[in-house]
Amino acid sequence: MPFANLLGVELTAAAPGEVRGTLAWAPERCTAGGVLHGGALMGLADSLGGVCALLNLPEGAGTTTVESKTNFLRAVGEGRVEGVCGPLHVGRRFIVLDTDLFDERGKRVARVTQTQAVLT
C-alpha cells in the first residue's frame, strides 16, 4: 500500500483474525507542540483495517473503506504506536473492523471502528 509506506506504517503480523502494525513518532507526522497528528493515527488504523479486510475477502473480491469512526483518547509525543485490528463482522457485503492503538506504555491512544465494502 503506497500511502501506508509513505506514512511509515510497518506491519508486524497479518492473519484473518488479527493484523498488527506500528507507526513511529516523527516530527513530520506531528501537529503543533510535537503531538502525533490524528490523521497519522487514522492512517495507521485504516491501513491495518484494509489489510485485515483483504485477508477476509472471498477469492477475487476487493475492498474499500466506506465508513470510519475514531475516538482519540490521549496524545502521543514520543515513541511508537502499536495498532491491533480484528474483524467484528465478516459478511457477504461488508466487513466491520475494530482497531485499538496503544502507546509504548500500553495506554490506549485511540479506538477506530470501520466498515469495508466487499467489492465483487
N, C-alpha and C. Protein backbone atom coordinates (compact mmCIF):
# COMPACT_ATOMS: atom_id res chain seq x y z
N MET A 1 0.85 -1.18 0.00
CA MET A 1 0.00 0.00 0.00
C MET A 1 0.89 1.23 0.00
N PRO A 2 0.93 1.94 -1.09
CA PRO A 2 1.84 3.09 -1.21
C PRO A 2 1.66 4.15 -0.12
N PHE A 3 0.41 4.48 0.23
CA PHE A 3 0.21 5.52 1.25
C PHE A 3 0.72 5.06 2.60
N ALA A 4 0.48 3.81 2.96
CA ALA A 4 0.97 3.27 4.23
C ALA A 4 2.49 3.33 4.28
N ASN A 5 3.13 3.02 3.16
CA ASN A 5 4.59 3.13 3.09
C ASN A 5 5.05 4.57 3.27
N LEU A 6 4.38 5.50 2.60
CA LEU A 6 4.71 6.92 2.71
C LEU A 6 4.54 7.39 4.16
N LEU A 7 3.50 6.93 4.81
CA LEU A 7 3.22 7.32 6.19
C LEU A 7 4.21 6.71 7.18
N GLY A 8 4.77 5.56 6.82
CA GLY A 8 5.72 4.90 7.71
C GLY A 8 5.13 3.74 8.50
N VAL A 9 3.98 3.24 8.08
CA VAL A 9 3.35 2.10 8.74
C VAL A 9 4.19 0.86 8.50
N GLU A 10 4.41 0.10 9.57
CA GLU A 10 5.13 -1.18 9.47
C GLU A 10 4.22 -2.29 9.98
N LEU A 11 3.93 -3.27 9.12
CA LEU A 11 3.15 -4.43 9.53
C LEU A 11 4.04 -5.36 10.34
N THR A 12 3.52 -5.88 11.44
CA THR A 12 4.28 -6.82 12.26
C THR A 12 3.65 -8.20 12.30
N ALA A 13 2.36 -8.31 11.98
CA ALA A 13 1.67 -9.60 11.92
C ALA A 13 0.42 -9.42 11.07
N ALA A 14 0.08 -10.45 10.31
CA ALA A 14 -1.11 -10.35 9.46
C ALA A 14 -1.75 -11.73 9.30
N ALA A 15 -2.95 -11.87 9.85
CA ALA A 15 -3.76 -13.08 9.72
C ALA A 15 -5.22 -12.63 9.67
N PRO A 16 -6.12 -13.45 9.14
CA PRO A 16 -7.53 -13.03 9.04
C PRO A 16 -8.14 -12.59 10.38
N GLY A 17 -7.71 -13.16 11.49
CA GLY A 17 -8.27 -12.82 12.79
C GLY A 17 -7.62 -11.66 13.48
N GLU A 18 -6.42 -11.27 13.04
CA GLU A 18 -5.72 -10.15 13.69
C GLU A 18 -4.58 -9.64 12.83
N VAL A 19 -4.54 -8.33 12.68
CA VAL A 19 -3.44 -7.65 11.98
C VAL A 19 -2.83 -6.66 12.96
N ARG A 20 -1.50 -6.63 13.01
CA ARG A 20 -0.77 -5.72 13.90
C ARG A 20 0.21 -4.89 13.08
N GLY A 21 0.42 -3.67 13.55
CA GLY A 21 1.40 -2.81 12.90
C GLY A 21 1.79 -1.67 13.81
N THR A 22 2.83 -0.95 13.41
CA THR A 22 3.31 0.16 14.22
C THR A 22 3.52 1.40 13.36
N LEU A 23 3.57 2.53 14.05
CA LEU A 23 3.90 3.81 13.44
C LEU A 23 4.76 4.56 14.45
N ALA A 24 5.93 4.97 14.01
CA ALA A 24 6.85 5.69 14.89
C ALA A 24 6.50 7.18 14.93
N TRP A 25 6.67 7.77 16.13
CA TRP A 25 6.56 9.22 16.24
C TRP A 25 7.69 9.83 15.43
N ALA A 26 7.41 10.88 14.70
CA ALA A 26 8.41 11.64 13.95
C ALA A 26 7.90 13.07 13.82
N PRO A 27 8.79 14.06 13.82
CA PRO A 27 8.34 15.45 13.77
C PRO A 27 7.47 15.77 12.56
N GLU A 28 7.74 15.13 11.43
CA GLU A 28 6.96 15.41 10.22
C GLU A 28 5.56 14.81 10.27
N ARG A 29 5.26 14.02 11.29
CA ARG A 29 3.93 13.42 11.47
C ARG A 29 3.14 14.12 12.58
N CYS A 30 3.60 15.28 13.01
CA CYS A 30 3.04 15.95 14.18
C CYS A 30 2.25 17.21 13.86
N THR A 31 1.45 17.60 14.83
CA THR A 31 0.79 18.90 14.83
C THR A 31 1.63 19.83 15.69
N ALA A 32 1.08 21.00 16.02
CA ALA A 32 1.79 21.94 16.90
C ALA A 32 2.07 21.26 18.24
N GLY A 33 3.20 21.58 18.80
CA GLY A 33 3.54 21.05 20.11
C GLY A 33 4.13 19.65 20.10
N GLY A 34 4.45 19.13 18.93
CA GLY A 34 5.10 17.83 18.85
C GLY A 34 4.21 16.64 19.13
N VAL A 35 2.91 16.79 18.91
CA VAL A 35 1.96 15.71 19.14
C VAL A 35 1.65 15.03 17.81
N LEU A 36 1.70 13.69 17.81
CA LEU A 36 1.40 12.93 16.59
C LEU A 36 0.03 13.32 16.05
N HIS A 37 -0.04 13.63 14.78
CA HIS A 37 -1.26 14.11 14.13
C HIS A 37 -2.32 13.01 14.12
N GLY A 38 -3.57 13.40 14.38
CA GLY A 38 -4.68 12.45 14.34
C GLY A 38 -4.81 11.75 13.00
N GLY A 39 -4.49 12.46 11.93
CA GLY A 39 -4.56 11.85 10.60
C GLY A 39 -3.54 10.73 10.44
N ALA A 40 -2.39 10.88 11.08
CA ALA A 40 -1.39 9.81 11.05
C ALA A 40 -1.91 8.59 11.78
N LEU A 41 -2.54 8.81 12.93
CA LEU A 41 -3.12 7.69 13.68
C LEU A 41 -4.25 7.03 12.89
N MET A 42 -5.09 7.84 12.27
CA MET A 42 -6.16 7.29 11.45
C MET A 42 -5.61 6.53 10.25
N GLY A 43 -4.51 7.03 9.68
CA GLY A 43 -3.88 6.33 8.56
C GLY A 43 -3.35 4.97 8.96
N LEU A 44 -2.78 4.87 10.16
CA LEU A 44 -2.33 3.59 10.68
C LEU A 44 -3.51 2.64 10.82
N ALA A 45 -4.57 3.10 11.47
CA ALA A 45 -5.74 2.25 11.70
C ALA A 45 -6.39 1.83 10.39
N ASP A 46 -6.53 2.75 9.44
CA ASP A 46 -7.17 2.43 8.17
C ASP A 46 -6.32 1.43 7.38
N SER A 47 -5.02 1.57 7.46
CA SER A 47 -4.13 0.63 6.77
C SER A 47 -4.26 -0.78 7.35
N LEU A 48 -4.27 -0.88 8.67
CA LEU A 48 -4.42 -2.19 9.30
C LEU A 48 -5.79 -2.78 8.99
N GLY A 49 -6.81 -1.94 9.02
CA GLY A 49 -8.16 -2.40 8.69
C GLY A 49 -8.26 -2.89 7.25
N GLY A 50 -7.61 -2.18 6.34
CA GLY A 50 -7.62 -2.60 4.94
C GLY A 50 -6.98 -3.96 4.75
N VAL A 51 -5.85 -4.18 5.43
CA VAL A 51 -5.18 -5.47 5.33
C VAL A 51 -6.05 -6.57 5.93
N CYS A 52 -6.64 -6.30 7.10
CA CYS A 52 -7.48 -7.30 7.75
C CYS A 52 -8.69 -7.63 6.87
N ALA A 53 -9.31 -6.62 6.28
CA ALA A 53 -10.45 -6.86 5.39
C ALA A 53 -10.00 -7.69 4.19
N LEU A 54 -8.87 -7.34 3.60
CA LEU A 54 -8.35 -8.08 2.45
C LEU A 54 -8.16 -9.55 2.78
N LEU A 55 -7.66 -9.84 3.97
CA LEU A 55 -7.43 -11.22 4.37
C LEU A 55 -8.72 -11.99 4.64
N ASN A 56 -9.83 -11.28 4.75
CA ASN A 56 -11.12 -11.92 5.00
C ASN A 56 -12.04 -11.92 3.79
N LEU A 57 -11.55 -11.48 2.64
CA LEU A 57 -12.36 -11.41 1.42
C LEU A 57 -12.49 -12.77 0.75
N PRO A 58 -13.62 -12.98 0.05
CA PRO A 58 -13.70 -14.16 -0.80
C PRO A 58 -12.75 -13.99 -1.99
N GLU A 59 -12.38 -15.09 -2.59
CA GLU A 59 -11.45 -15.05 -3.72
C GLU A 59 -11.98 -14.16 -4.84
N GLY A 60 -11.11 -13.29 -5.34
CA GLY A 60 -11.46 -12.41 -6.46
C GLY A 60 -12.13 -11.11 -6.07
N ALA A 61 -12.44 -10.90 -4.80
CA ALA A 61 -13.11 -9.68 -4.36
C ALA A 61 -12.08 -8.63 -3.95
N GLY A 62 -12.53 -7.38 -3.93
CA GLY A 62 -11.72 -6.26 -3.46
C GLY A 62 -12.45 -5.58 -2.31
N THR A 63 -11.85 -4.53 -1.78
CA THR A 63 -12.46 -3.82 -0.65
C THR A 63 -12.12 -2.34 -0.69
N THR A 64 -12.95 -1.55 -0.05
CA THR A 64 -12.69 -0.13 0.15
C THR A 64 -13.37 0.31 1.44
N THR A 65 -12.78 1.27 2.11
CA THR A 65 -13.38 1.81 3.34
C THR A 65 -14.58 2.66 2.97
N VAL A 66 -15.72 2.39 3.61
CA VAL A 66 -16.92 3.19 3.37
C VAL A 66 -17.33 4.00 4.61
N GLU A 67 -16.76 3.66 5.77
CA GLU A 67 -17.07 4.40 6.99
C GLU A 67 -15.96 4.16 7.99
N SER A 68 -15.60 5.21 8.73
CA SER A 68 -14.58 5.08 9.77
C SER A 68 -14.88 6.07 10.88
N LYS A 69 -14.83 5.58 12.11
CA LYS A 69 -15.07 6.43 13.27
C LYS A 69 -13.92 6.27 14.25
N THR A 70 -13.34 7.38 14.66
CA THR A 70 -12.19 7.35 15.55
C THR A 70 -12.51 8.09 16.85
N ASN A 71 -12.17 7.45 17.97
CA ASN A 71 -12.18 8.12 19.27
C ASN A 71 -10.73 8.29 19.69
N PHE A 72 -10.28 9.54 19.80
CA PHE A 72 -8.93 9.83 20.28
C PHE A 72 -8.97 9.92 21.79
N LEU A 73 -8.07 9.21 22.47
CA LEU A 73 -8.13 9.13 23.92
C LEU A 73 -6.95 9.79 24.62
N ARG A 74 -5.81 9.89 23.95
CA ARG A 74 -4.64 10.56 24.55
C ARG A 74 -3.67 10.94 23.44
N ALA A 75 -2.83 11.90 23.75
CA ALA A 75 -1.83 12.38 22.79
C ALA A 75 -0.59 11.49 22.82
N VAL A 76 0.11 11.48 21.70
CA VAL A 76 1.38 10.75 21.59
C VAL A 76 2.47 11.77 21.26
N GLY A 77 3.45 11.91 22.15
CA GLY A 77 4.52 12.88 21.95
C GLY A 77 5.88 12.25 21.76
N GLU A 78 5.94 10.92 21.70
CA GLU A 78 7.22 10.23 21.51
C GLU A 78 6.96 8.74 21.28
N GLY A 79 7.99 8.03 20.86
CA GLY A 79 7.93 6.58 20.76
C GLY A 79 7.18 6.06 19.55
N ARG A 80 6.59 4.89 19.73
CA ARG A 80 5.86 4.21 18.67
C ARG A 80 4.42 3.96 19.12
N VAL A 81 3.55 3.87 18.14
CA VAL A 81 2.16 3.49 18.37
C VAL A 81 1.99 2.10 17.76
N GLU A 82 1.39 1.20 18.55
CA GLU A 82 1.08 -0.13 18.02
C GLU A 82 -0.41 -0.24 17.79
N GLY A 83 -0.78 -0.78 16.64
CA GLY A 83 -2.18 -1.00 16.31
C GLY A 83 -2.49 -2.48 16.26
N VAL A 84 -3.67 -2.82 16.76
CA VAL A 84 -4.16 -4.19 16.74
C VAL A 84 -5.57 -4.15 16.15
N CYS A 85 -5.76 -4.84 15.03
CA CYS A 85 -7.02 -4.81 14.31
C CYS A 85 -7.59 -6.22 14.19
N GLY A 86 -8.89 -6.32 14.39
CA GLY A 86 -9.57 -7.60 14.20
C GLY A 86 -10.97 -7.38 13.67
N PRO A 87 -11.52 -8.39 13.01
CA PRO A 87 -12.88 -8.26 12.47
C PRO A 87 -13.94 -8.40 13.54
N LEU A 88 -14.94 -7.53 13.50
CA LEU A 88 -16.12 -7.66 14.35
C LEU A 88 -17.21 -8.42 13.61
N HIS A 89 -17.25 -8.25 12.28
CA HIS A 89 -18.26 -8.90 11.43
C HIS A 89 -17.66 -9.10 10.05
N VAL A 90 -17.79 -10.30 9.54
CA VAL A 90 -17.37 -10.60 8.16
C VAL A 90 -18.61 -11.11 7.43
N GLY A 91 -19.16 -10.26 6.59
CA GLY A 91 -20.37 -10.62 5.85
C GLY A 91 -20.12 -10.67 4.35
N ARG A 92 -21.17 -10.93 3.61
CA ARG A 92 -21.05 -11.01 2.15
C ARG A 92 -20.84 -9.65 1.51
N ARG A 93 -21.36 -8.59 2.13
CA ARG A 93 -21.28 -7.25 1.54
C ARG A 93 -20.40 -6.28 2.31
N PHE A 94 -20.26 -6.51 3.61
CA PHE A 94 -19.47 -5.60 4.44
C PHE A 94 -18.64 -6.37 5.45
N ILE A 95 -17.49 -5.80 5.78
CA ILE A 95 -16.64 -6.29 6.85
C ILE A 95 -16.45 -5.13 7.82
N VAL A 96 -16.76 -5.36 9.09
CA VAL A 96 -16.61 -4.33 10.12
C VAL A 96 -15.41 -4.70 10.99
N LEU A 97 -14.53 -3.74 11.20
CA LEU A 97 -13.28 -3.98 11.91
C LEU A 97 -13.12 -3.02 13.08
N ASP A 98 -12.44 -3.51 14.10
CA ASP A 98 -12.15 -2.70 15.28
C ASP A 98 -10.64 -2.65 15.44
N THR A 99 -10.09 -1.44 15.56
CA THR A 99 -8.64 -1.27 15.73
C THR A 99 -8.37 -0.46 16.98
N ASP A 100 -7.53 -0.99 17.84
CA ASP A 100 -7.07 -0.27 19.03
C ASP A 100 -5.63 0.15 18.81
N LEU A 101 -5.33 1.40 19.17
CA LEU A 101 -3.97 1.94 19.05
C LEU A 101 -3.44 2.20 20.46
N PHE A 102 -2.19 1.75 20.71
CA PHE A 102 -1.58 1.86 22.03
C PHE A 102 -0.22 2.55 21.94
N ASP A 103 0.11 3.34 22.97
CA ASP A 103 1.45 3.92 23.03
C ASP A 103 2.41 2.88 23.62
N GLU A 104 3.67 3.26 23.78
CA GLU A 104 4.69 2.32 24.25
C GLU A 104 4.47 1.87 25.69
N ARG A 105 3.67 2.61 26.44
CA ARG A 105 3.37 2.22 27.83
C ARG A 105 2.17 1.29 27.91
N GLY A 106 1.58 0.98 26.75
CA GLY A 106 0.40 0.13 26.72
C GLY A 106 -0.90 0.87 26.97
N LYS A 107 -0.83 2.20 26.98
CA LYS A 107 -2.03 3.03 27.17
C LYS A 107 -2.74 3.18 25.83
N ARG A 108 -4.07 3.01 25.86
CA ARG A 108 -4.85 3.15 24.63
C ARG A 108 -4.84 4.61 24.18
N VAL A 109 -4.46 4.82 22.94
CA VAL A 109 -4.38 6.14 22.32
C VAL A 109 -5.67 6.45 21.56
N ALA A 110 -6.22 5.44 20.89
CA ALA A 110 -7.43 5.63 20.09
C ALA A 110 -8.09 4.29 19.83
N ARG A 111 -9.37 4.36 19.53
CA ARG A 111 -10.12 3.20 19.06
C ARG A 111 -10.81 3.61 17.77
N VAL A 112 -10.68 2.75 16.76
CA VAL A 112 -11.24 3.03 15.45
C VAL A 112 -12.13 1.87 15.04
N THR A 113 -13.36 2.19 14.63
CA THR A 113 -14.26 1.19 14.06
C THR A 113 -14.50 1.60 12.61
N GLN A 114 -14.29 0.67 11.72
CA GLN A 114 -14.50 0.99 10.30
C GLN A 114 -15.26 -0.10 9.59
N THR A 115 -15.93 0.30 8.53
CA THR A 115 -16.66 -0.61 7.68
C THR A 115 -16.01 -0.62 6.31
N GLN A 116 -15.75 -1.82 5.83
CA GLN A 116 -15.18 -2.02 4.49
C GLN A 116 -16.22 -2.70 3.63
N ALA A 117 -16.43 -2.17 2.43
CA ALA A 117 -17.33 -2.81 1.48
C ALA A 117 -16.60 -3.97 0.81
N VAL A 118 -17.34 -5.03 0.55
CA VAL A 118 -16.81 -6.17 -0.21
C VAL A 118 -17.19 -5.91 -1.67
N LEU A 119 -16.18 -5.73 -2.52
CA LEU A 119 -16.40 -5.40 -3.93
C LEU A 119 -16.20 -6.66 -4.77
N THR A 120 -17.29 -7.14 -5.37
CA THR A 120 -17.20 -8.36 -6.19
C THR A 120 -17.27 -8.04 -7.66
